[in-house]
Amino acid sequence: MRELRVCRAIRLLAEGRDREEVARAVGALPRTVAAWERDEEFRALLACLGEHRRARDALTALDDLTPVAIAALRRALDGDDNTLALRAAREVLERVGPLAERSAVQTIRVEYGSRDGKPVSAAPWANRNPAPSGPLQGGGLREALRQDGDGTDSDG
């Protein structure tokens, strides 16, 4: 039950609500919310939600500008300036047409932590188990890391 109250407090604070309002909403005293705010994990989650909100707001603002940008491209394409029309056409084709990059590469960053929450580098395991050059045999996936993170089970 406490975790739900703390999570709700984080969400409300990330929305920009003040401490007193958050305390009333979650059924806690303002000094309790202040104590939660001093917790490192609480602050990290609050920062994460705040960043998510800022990114969402930026995407919404960009989405609102899309019709205006499309109209500007259309005016450039329909205008008398051939150089400007050519640049506008290239912009369109590079983003949505046959010139667009269809296989976007995404990078996923993985961070490892010890049982006490401290960051742990994966380098020792990676140095002992370098990736083979070329495709994997059989085209499958590498065997997942074992429970202790070094590629082998400690009990077997």
N, C-alpha and C. Protein backbone atom coordinates (compact mmCIF):
# COMPACT_ATOMS: atom_id res chain seq x y z
N MET A 1 0.82 -1.19 0.00
CA MET A 1 0.00 0.00 0.00
C MET A 1 0.87 1.26 0.00
N ARG A 2 1.93 1.26 0.81
CA ARG A 2 2.82 2.42 0.86
C ARG A 2 3.44 2.69 -0.51
N GLU A 3 3.82 1.63 -1.22
CA GLU A 3 4.45 1.79 -2.53
C GLU A 3 3.52 2.51 -3.50
N LEU A 4 2.23 2.18 -3.44
CA LEU A 4 1.25 2.85 -4.31
C LEU A 4 1.17 4.33 -3.99
N ARG A 5 1.18 4.67 -2.71
CA ARG A 5 1.14 6.07 -2.31
C ARG A 5 2.38 6.80 -2.78
N VAL A 6 3.54 6.17 -2.64
CA VAL A 6 4.79 6.79 -3.06
C VAL A 6 4.80 6.98 -4.59
N CYS A 7 4.38 5.96 -5.31
CA CYS A 7 4.34 6.06 -6.78
C CYS A 7 3.39 7.16 -7.23
N ARG A 8 2.23 7.25 -6.57
CA ARG A 8 1.27 8.30 -6.92
C ARG A 8 1.86 9.67 -6.60
N ALA A 9 2.58 9.77 -5.49
CA ALA A 9 3.22 11.04 -5.13
C ALA A 9 4.24 11.45 -6.19
N ILE A 10 5.03 10.50 -6.65
CA ILE A 10 6.02 10.79 -7.69
C ILE A 10 5.32 11.30 -8.94
N ARG A 11 4.26 10.61 -9.34
CA ARG A 11 3.53 11.01 -10.55
C ARG A 11 2.98 12.42 -10.42
N LEU A 12 2.38 12.72 -9.27
CA LEU A 12 1.79 14.04 -9.06
C LEU A 12 2.85 15.13 -9.01
N LEU A 13 3.97 14.86 -8.36
CA LEU A 13 5.06 15.84 -8.32
C LEU A 13 5.63 16.07 -9.73
N ALA A 14 5.73 15.00 -10.51
CA ALA A 14 6.23 15.14 -11.88
C ALA A 14 5.29 15.97 -12.74
N GLU A 15 4.00 15.96 -12.39
CA GLU A 15 3.02 16.79 -13.10
C GLU A 15 3.11 18.25 -12.69
N GLY A 16 3.92 18.55 -11.66
CA GLY A 16 4.09 19.93 -11.23
C GLY A 16 3.25 20.33 -10.03
N ARG A 17 2.61 19.37 -9.37
CA ARG A 17 1.80 19.69 -8.18
C ARG A 17 2.73 20.02 -7.02
N ASP A 18 2.26 20.86 -6.09
CA ASP A 18 3.09 21.20 -4.94
C ASP A 18 2.97 20.13 -3.86
N ARG A 19 3.90 20.16 -2.92
CA ARG A 19 4.02 19.12 -1.89
C ARG A 19 2.75 18.99 -1.06
N GLU A 20 2.14 20.10 -0.68
CA GLU A 20 0.94 20.05 0.16
C GLU A 20 -0.21 19.37 -0.59
N GLU A 21 -0.37 19.71 -1.85
CA GLU A 21 -1.43 19.10 -2.66
C GLU A 21 -1.19 17.60 -2.83
N VAL A 22 0.06 17.23 -3.06
CA VAL A 22 0.42 15.82 -3.20
C VAL A 22 0.14 15.08 -1.90
N ALA A 23 0.53 15.68 -0.78
CA ALA A 23 0.31 15.04 0.52
C ALA A 23 -1.17 14.76 0.75
N ARG A 24 -2.02 15.75 0.44
CA ARG A 24 -3.47 15.54 0.60
C ARG A 24 -3.95 14.42 -0.33
N ALA A 25 -3.47 14.39 -1.55
CA ALA A 25 -3.94 13.41 -2.53
C ALA A 25 -3.56 11.99 -2.16
N VAL A 26 -2.41 11.81 -1.51
CA VAL A 26 -1.97 10.45 -1.16
C VAL A 26 -2.22 10.09 0.29
N GLY A 27 -2.81 11.01 1.05
CA GLY A 27 -3.12 10.73 2.45
C GLY A 27 -1.90 10.68 3.33
N ALA A 28 -0.99 11.64 3.12
CA ALA A 28 0.22 11.70 3.93
C ALA A 28 0.43 13.13 4.40
N LEU A 29 1.31 13.30 5.35
CA LEU A 29 1.68 14.63 5.81
C LEU A 29 2.70 15.23 4.84
N PRO A 30 2.71 16.55 4.69
CA PRO A 30 3.71 17.17 3.82
C PRO A 30 5.15 16.82 4.22
N ARG A 31 5.40 16.67 5.53
CA ARG A 31 6.77 16.31 5.95
C ARG A 31 7.11 14.88 5.55
N THR A 32 6.09 14.01 5.44
CA THR A 32 6.33 12.64 4.96
C THR A 32 6.72 12.67 3.49
N VAL A 33 6.01 13.48 2.70
CA VAL A 33 6.35 13.62 1.28
C VAL A 33 7.76 14.20 1.15
N ALA A 34 8.10 15.16 2.01
CA ALA A 34 9.44 15.75 2.00
C ALA A 34 10.50 14.69 2.30
N ALA A 35 10.19 13.80 3.24
CA ALA A 35 11.13 12.71 3.56
C ALA A 35 11.29 11.77 2.37
N TRP A 36 10.18 11.47 1.69
CA TRP A 36 10.25 10.63 0.49
C TRP A 36 11.14 11.29 -0.56
N GLU A 37 11.00 12.61 -0.69
CA GLU A 37 11.77 13.34 -1.70
C GLU A 37 13.27 13.30 -1.44
N ARG A 38 13.68 13.04 -0.23
CA ARG A 38 15.11 12.95 0.07
C ARG A 38 15.70 11.60 -0.32
N ASP A 39 14.84 10.62 -0.59
CA ASP A 39 15.30 9.29 -0.98
C ASP A 39 15.85 9.32 -2.41
N GLU A 40 17.01 8.72 -2.58
CA GLU A 40 17.68 8.73 -3.89
C GLU A 40 16.84 8.07 -4.99
N GLU A 41 16.23 6.93 -4.71
CA GLU A 41 15.40 6.25 -5.72
C GLU A 41 14.16 7.08 -6.06
N PHE A 42 13.57 7.72 -5.07
CA PHE A 42 12.42 8.59 -5.30
C PHE A 42 12.82 9.71 -6.25
N ARG A 43 13.96 10.36 -5.97
CA ARG A 43 14.43 11.46 -6.83
C ARG A 43 14.73 10.97 -8.24
N ALA A 44 15.30 9.77 -8.36
CA ALA A 44 15.61 9.24 -9.68
C ALA A 44 14.33 8.98 -10.49
N LEU A 45 13.33 8.39 -9.83
CA LEU A 45 12.06 8.14 -10.52
C LEU A 45 11.36 9.45 -10.87
N LEU A 46 11.41 10.41 -9.98
CA LEU A 46 10.80 11.71 -10.24
C LEU A 46 11.49 12.39 -11.44
N ALA A 47 12.81 12.33 -11.49
CA ALA A 47 13.55 12.91 -12.61
C ALA A 47 13.20 12.21 -13.92
N CYS A 48 13.07 10.90 -13.85
CA CYS A 48 12.72 10.11 -15.04
C CYS A 48 11.34 10.50 -15.56
N LEU A 49 10.37 10.57 -14.66
CA LEU A 49 9.02 10.97 -15.07
C LEU A 49 8.99 12.40 -15.58
N GLY A 50 9.77 13.27 -14.96
CA GLY A 50 9.85 14.65 -15.43
C GLY A 50 10.41 14.73 -16.83
N GLU A 51 11.45 13.97 -17.09
CA GLU A 51 12.05 13.93 -18.44
C GLU A 51 11.06 13.36 -19.44
N HIS A 52 10.34 12.32 -19.05
CA HIS A 52 9.33 11.73 -19.93
C HIS A 52 8.26 12.76 -20.28
N ARG A 53 7.82 13.52 -19.27
CA ARG A 53 6.80 14.55 -19.50
C ARG A 53 7.31 15.62 -20.45
N ARG A 54 8.58 16.05 -20.27
CA ARG A 54 9.15 17.07 -21.16
C ARG A 54 9.26 16.55 -22.59
N ALA A 55 9.67 15.29 -22.74
CA ALA A 55 9.77 14.70 -24.09
C ALA A 55 8.39 14.57 -24.72
N ARG A 56 7.41 14.15 -23.94
CA ARG A 56 6.05 14.02 -24.46
C ARG A 56 5.50 15.38 -24.89
N ASP A 57 5.76 16.42 -24.08
CA ASP A 57 5.30 17.76 -24.42
C ASP A 57 5.98 18.27 -25.69
N ALA A 58 7.28 17.98 -25.84
CA ALA A 58 8.00 18.40 -27.04
C ALA A 58 7.44 17.70 -28.28
N LEU A 59 7.16 16.40 -28.16
CA LEU A 59 6.59 15.67 -29.29
C LEU A 59 5.20 16.19 -29.65
N THR A 60 4.42 16.55 -28.65
CA THR A 60 3.10 17.12 -28.90
C THR A 60 3.24 18.44 -29.64
N ALA A 61 4.18 19.28 -29.21
CA ALA A 61 4.41 20.56 -29.88
C ALA A 61 4.85 20.36 -31.32
N LEU A 62 5.73 19.40 -31.55
CA LEU A 62 6.17 19.10 -32.92
C LEU A 62 5.02 18.56 -33.75
N ASP A 63 4.19 17.74 -33.14
CA ASP A 63 3.03 17.21 -33.85
C ASP A 63 2.09 18.33 -34.27
N ASP A 64 1.94 19.33 -33.40
CA ASP A 64 1.09 20.48 -33.73
C ASP A 64 1.66 21.29 -34.90
N LEU A 65 3.00 21.27 -35.06
CA LEU A 65 3.64 22.03 -36.13
C LEU A 65 3.63 21.29 -37.47
N THR A 66 3.34 20.00 -37.45
CA THR A 66 3.42 19.21 -38.68
C THR A 66 2.55 19.75 -39.81
N PRO A 67 1.28 20.07 -39.58
CA PRO A 67 0.48 20.61 -40.69
C PRO A 67 1.05 21.91 -41.26
N VAL A 68 1.60 22.75 -40.38
CA VAL A 68 2.19 24.01 -40.84
C VAL A 68 3.42 23.73 -41.71
N ALA A 69 4.25 22.77 -41.27
CA ALA A 69 5.45 22.42 -42.04
C ALA A 69 5.07 21.83 -43.39
N ILE A 70 4.06 20.99 -43.41
CA ILE A 70 3.61 20.39 -44.68
C ILE A 70 3.09 21.48 -45.61
N ALA A 71 2.35 22.42 -45.06
CA ALA A 71 1.84 23.53 -45.88
C ALA A 71 3.00 24.35 -46.45
N ALA A 72 4.04 24.59 -45.64
CA ALA A 72 5.20 25.34 -46.12
C ALA A 72 5.92 24.58 -47.24
N LEU A 73 6.06 23.27 -47.09
CA LEU A 73 6.66 22.47 -48.16
C LEU A 73 5.82 22.52 -49.43
N ARG A 74 4.52 22.45 -49.26
CA ARG A 74 3.63 22.51 -50.43
C ARG A 74 3.76 23.85 -51.15
N ARG A 75 3.83 24.95 -50.38
CA ARG A 75 4.00 26.27 -50.99
C ARG A 75 5.32 26.34 -51.75
N ALA A 76 6.39 25.77 -51.14
CA ALA A 76 7.69 25.78 -51.81
C ALA A 76 7.66 24.95 -53.08
N LEU A 77 6.98 23.80 -53.05
CA LEU A 77 6.89 22.95 -54.24
C LEU A 77 6.07 23.61 -55.34
N ASP A 78 5.04 24.34 -54.95
CA ASP A 78 4.15 24.96 -55.93
C ASP A 78 4.63 26.34 -56.38
N GLY A 79 5.66 26.87 -55.73
CA GLY A 79 6.12 28.24 -56.03
C GLY A 79 6.91 28.33 -57.32
N ASP A 80 7.35 29.54 -57.62
CA ASP A 80 8.08 29.83 -58.86
C ASP A 80 9.58 29.60 -58.73
N ASP A 81 10.10 29.47 -57.51
CA ASP A 81 11.54 29.28 -57.31
C ASP A 81 11.89 27.80 -57.44
N ASN A 82 12.49 27.45 -58.57
CA ASN A 82 12.81 26.04 -58.83
C ASN A 82 13.83 25.48 -57.84
N THR A 83 14.78 26.28 -57.41
CA THR A 83 15.78 25.81 -56.45
C THR A 83 15.12 25.47 -55.12
N LEU A 84 14.24 26.35 -54.66
CA LEU A 84 13.51 26.11 -53.42
C LEU A 84 12.60 24.89 -53.55
N ALA A 85 11.94 24.76 -54.69
CA ALA A 85 11.06 23.61 -54.93
C ALA A 85 11.85 22.31 -54.90
N LEU A 86 13.03 22.33 -55.50
CA LEU A 86 13.88 21.13 -55.52
C LEU A 86 14.32 20.76 -54.11
N ARG A 87 14.70 21.75 -53.30
CA ARG A 87 15.09 21.46 -51.92
C ARG A 87 13.91 20.92 -51.13
N ALA A 88 12.73 21.49 -51.32
CA ALA A 88 11.54 21.00 -50.62
C ALA A 88 11.23 19.57 -51.03
N ALA A 89 11.31 19.28 -52.32
CA ALA A 89 11.05 17.92 -52.81
C ALA A 89 12.03 16.94 -52.20
N ARG A 90 13.30 17.33 -52.12
CA ARG A 90 14.32 16.45 -51.53
C ARG A 90 14.01 16.19 -50.05
N GLU A 91 13.60 17.22 -49.32
CA GLU A 91 13.24 17.05 -47.91
C GLU A 91 12.13 16.02 -47.75
N VAL A 92 11.11 16.13 -48.59
CA VAL A 92 9.98 15.20 -48.52
C VAL A 92 10.46 13.79 -48.85
N LEU A 93 11.21 13.65 -49.93
CA LEU A 93 11.64 12.32 -50.36
C LEU A 93 12.60 11.67 -49.37
N GLU A 94 13.44 12.47 -48.72
CA GLU A 94 14.38 11.91 -47.74
C GLU A 94 13.69 11.43 -46.47
N ARG A 95 12.54 12.00 -46.17
CA ARG A 95 11.86 11.64 -44.93
C ARG A 95 10.77 10.59 -45.09
N VAL A 96 10.06 10.63 -46.18
CA VAL A 96 8.94 9.70 -46.31
C VAL A 96 8.90 8.96 -47.64
N GLY A 97 9.72 9.36 -48.57
CA GLY A 97 9.66 8.75 -49.90
C GLY A 97 10.69 7.66 -50.08
N PRO A 98 11.02 7.36 -51.33
CA PRO A 98 11.95 6.26 -51.63
C PRO A 98 13.37 6.52 -51.14
N LEU A 99 13.74 7.76 -50.84
CA LEU A 99 15.07 8.04 -50.33
C LEU A 99 15.18 7.88 -48.82
N ALA A 100 14.04 7.72 -48.16
CA ALA A 100 14.03 7.60 -46.69
C ALA A 100 14.71 6.33 -46.24
N GLU A 101 15.40 6.41 -45.13
CA GLU A 101 16.04 5.23 -44.53
C GLU A 101 14.96 4.42 -43.85
N ARG A 102 14.66 3.24 -44.36
CA ARG A 102 13.56 2.43 -43.84
C ARG A 102 13.99 1.51 -42.71
N SER A 103 15.24 1.19 -42.63
CA SER A 103 15.68 0.26 -41.58
C SER A 103 16.48 1.03 -40.54
N ALA A 104 15.77 1.82 -39.75
CA ALA A 104 16.42 2.62 -38.72
C ALA A 104 17.06 1.71 -37.69
N VAL A 105 18.28 2.03 -37.32
CA VAL A 105 19.01 1.26 -36.32
C VAL A 105 18.72 1.87 -34.96
N GLN A 106 18.36 1.02 -34.01
CA GLN A 106 18.13 1.48 -32.65
C GLN A 106 19.19 0.89 -31.74
N THR A 107 19.70 1.71 -30.86
CA THR A 107 20.69 1.27 -29.89
C THR A 107 20.01 1.10 -28.55
N ILE A 108 20.24 -0.03 -27.92
CA ILE A 108 19.70 -0.30 -26.60
C ILE A 108 20.87 -0.35 -25.64
N ARG A 109 20.82 0.48 -24.61
CA ARG A 109 21.87 0.51 -23.61
C ARG A 109 21.44 -0.33 -22.42
N VAL A 110 22.28 -1.26 -22.03
CA VAL A 110 21.98 -2.12 -20.90
C VAL A 110 22.96 -1.79 -19.78
N GLU A 111 22.43 -1.54 -18.60
CA GLU A 111 23.27 -1.29 -17.44
C GLU A 111 23.03 -2.40 -16.43
N TYR A 112 24.10 -2.86 -15.82
CA TYR A 112 24.01 -3.93 -14.84
C TYR A 112 24.21 -3.34 -13.46
N GLY A 113 23.51 -3.92 -12.49
CA GLY A 113 23.67 -3.48 -11.11
C GLY A 113 23.89 -4.66 -10.20
N SER A 114 24.64 -4.42 -9.13
CA SER A 114 24.86 -5.49 -8.16
C SER A 114 23.62 -5.61 -7.29
N ARG A 115 23.60 -6.60 -6.42
CA ARG A 115 22.43 -6.81 -5.56
C ARG A 115 22.18 -5.63 -4.62
N ASP A 116 23.25 -4.87 -4.32
CA ASP A 116 23.07 -3.71 -3.44
C ASP A 116 22.81 -2.43 -4.23
N GLY A 117 22.57 -2.55 -5.55
CA GLY A 117 22.17 -1.41 -6.36
C GLY A 117 23.30 -0.60 -6.95
N LYS A 118 24.54 -1.01 -6.75
CA LYS A 118 25.66 -0.26 -7.31
C LYS A 118 25.87 -0.68 -8.78
N PRO A 119 26.27 0.28 -9.64
CA PRO A 119 26.48 -0.09 -11.04
C PRO A 119 27.64 -1.05 -11.19
N VAL A 120 27.49 -2.00 -12.10
CA VAL A 120 28.52 -3.01 -12.37
C VAL A 120 28.78 -3.00 -13.86
N SER A 121 30.01 -2.99 -14.24
CA SER A 121 30.36 -3.01 -15.65
C SER A 121 30.25 -4.44 -16.18
N ALA A 122 29.82 -4.57 -17.42
CA ALA A 122 29.75 -5.88 -18.05
C ALA A 122 31.08 -6.23 -18.70
N ALA A 123 32.06 -5.32 -18.62
CA ALA A 123 33.33 -5.52 -19.32
C ALA A 123 34.05 -6.81 -18.93
N PRO A 124 34.13 -7.19 -17.66
CA PRO A 124 34.86 -8.43 -17.35
C PRO A 124 34.28 -9.64 -18.09
N TRP A 125 32.96 -9.77 -18.11
CA TRP A 125 32.36 -10.88 -18.83
C TRP A 125 32.61 -10.74 -20.32
N ALA A 126 32.44 -9.54 -20.84
CA ALA A 126 32.62 -9.31 -22.27
C ALA A 126 34.07 -9.56 -22.69
N ASN A 127 35.02 -9.21 -21.83
CA ASN A 127 36.43 -9.45 -22.17
C ASN A 127 36.75 -10.94 -22.19
N ARG A 128 36.13 -11.71 -21.29
CA ARG A 128 36.38 -13.16 -21.25
C ARG A 128 35.62 -13.89 -22.35
N ASN A 129 34.54 -13.30 -22.83
CA ASN A 129 33.68 -13.95 -23.82
C ASN A 129 33.43 -13.02 -25.00
N PRO A 130 34.46 -12.76 -25.80
CA PRO A 130 34.27 -11.83 -26.92
C PRO A 130 33.28 -12.40 -27.93
N ALA A 131 32.56 -11.49 -28.58
CA ALA A 131 31.59 -11.91 -29.60
C ALA A 131 32.35 -12.47 -30.80
N PRO A 132 31.88 -13.55 -31.39
CA PRO A 132 32.55 -14.10 -32.56
C PRO A 132 32.37 -13.17 -33.74
N SER A 133 33.33 -13.19 -34.66
CA SER A 133 33.18 -12.38 -35.86
C SER A 133 32.20 -13.07 -36.79
N GLY A 134 31.46 -12.31 -37.54
CA GLY A 134 30.51 -12.86 -38.49
C GLY A 134 29.22 -13.30 -37.81
N PRO A 135 28.31 -13.86 -38.60
CA PRO A 135 27.01 -14.26 -38.05
C PRO A 135 27.15 -15.46 -37.13
N LEU A 136 26.20 -15.61 -36.23
CA LEU A 136 26.19 -16.76 -35.33
C LEU A 136 25.89 -18.03 -36.11
N GLN A 137 26.49 -19.11 -35.70
CA GLN A 137 26.20 -20.37 -36.37
C GLN A 137 24.74 -20.71 -36.21
N GLY A 138 24.11 -21.13 -37.27
CA GLY A 138 22.71 -21.51 -37.23
C GLY A 138 21.78 -20.30 -37.20
N GLY A 139 22.35 -19.08 -37.18
CA GLY A 139 21.53 -17.87 -37.20
C GLY A 139 20.74 -17.63 -35.94
N GLY A 140 21.03 -18.37 -34.87
CA GLY A 140 20.25 -18.22 -33.64
C GLY A 140 20.79 -17.14 -32.74
N LEU A 141 20.33 -17.14 -31.51
CA LEU A 141 20.75 -16.16 -30.52
C LEU A 141 21.77 -16.77 -29.59
N ARG A 142 22.63 -15.93 -29.05
CA ARG A 142 23.59 -16.42 -28.05
C ARG A 142 22.85 -16.84 -26.79
N GLU A 143 23.40 -17.80 -26.10
CA GLU A 143 22.81 -18.25 -24.84
C GLU A 143 22.81 -17.10 -23.85
N ALA A 144 21.74 -16.94 -23.13
CA ALA A 144 21.59 -15.83 -22.19
C ALA A 144 22.61 -15.94 -21.07
N LEU A 145 22.92 -14.80 -20.47
CA LEU A 145 23.81 -14.80 -19.31
C LEU A 145 23.18 -15.62 -18.20
N ARG A 146 24.00 -16.29 -17.46
CA ARG A 146 23.51 -17.09 -16.35
C ARG A 146 23.17 -16.19 -15.17
N GLN A 147 22.67 -16.77 -14.11
CA GLN A 147 22.16 -16.00 -12.99
C GLN A 147 23.21 -15.12 -12.33
N ASP A 148 24.48 -15.51 -12.30
CA ASP A 148 25.47 -14.67 -11.62
C ASP A 148 26.15 -13.71 -12.56
N GLY A 149 25.74 -13.69 -13.84
CA GLY A 149 26.20 -12.67 -14.77
C GLY A 149 27.52 -12.93 -15.45
N ASP A 150 28.19 -14.07 -15.21
CA ASP A 150 29.48 -14.26 -15.87
C ASP A 150 29.42 -15.35 -16.94
N GLY A 151 28.24 -15.82 -17.31
CA GLY A 151 28.11 -16.81 -18.37
C GLY A 151 28.03 -18.24 -17.88
N THR A 152 28.26 -18.46 -16.59
CA THR A 152 28.16 -19.82 -16.05
C THR A 152 27.39 -19.75 -14.74
N ASP A 153 26.69 -20.82 -14.41
CA ASP A 153 26.00 -20.88 -13.13
C ASP A 153 26.99 -21.24 -12.04
N SER A 154 26.89 -20.55 -10.91
CA SER A 154 27.84 -20.80 -9.83
C SER A 154 27.55 -22.13 -9.12
N ASP A 155 26.30 -22.63 -9.23
CA ASP A 155 25.99 -23.86 -8.53
C ASP A 155 26.01 -25.07 -9.45
N GLY A 156 26.47 -24.92 -10.69
CA GLY A 156 26.42 -26.09 -11.54
C GLY A 156 27.34 -26.08 -12.60
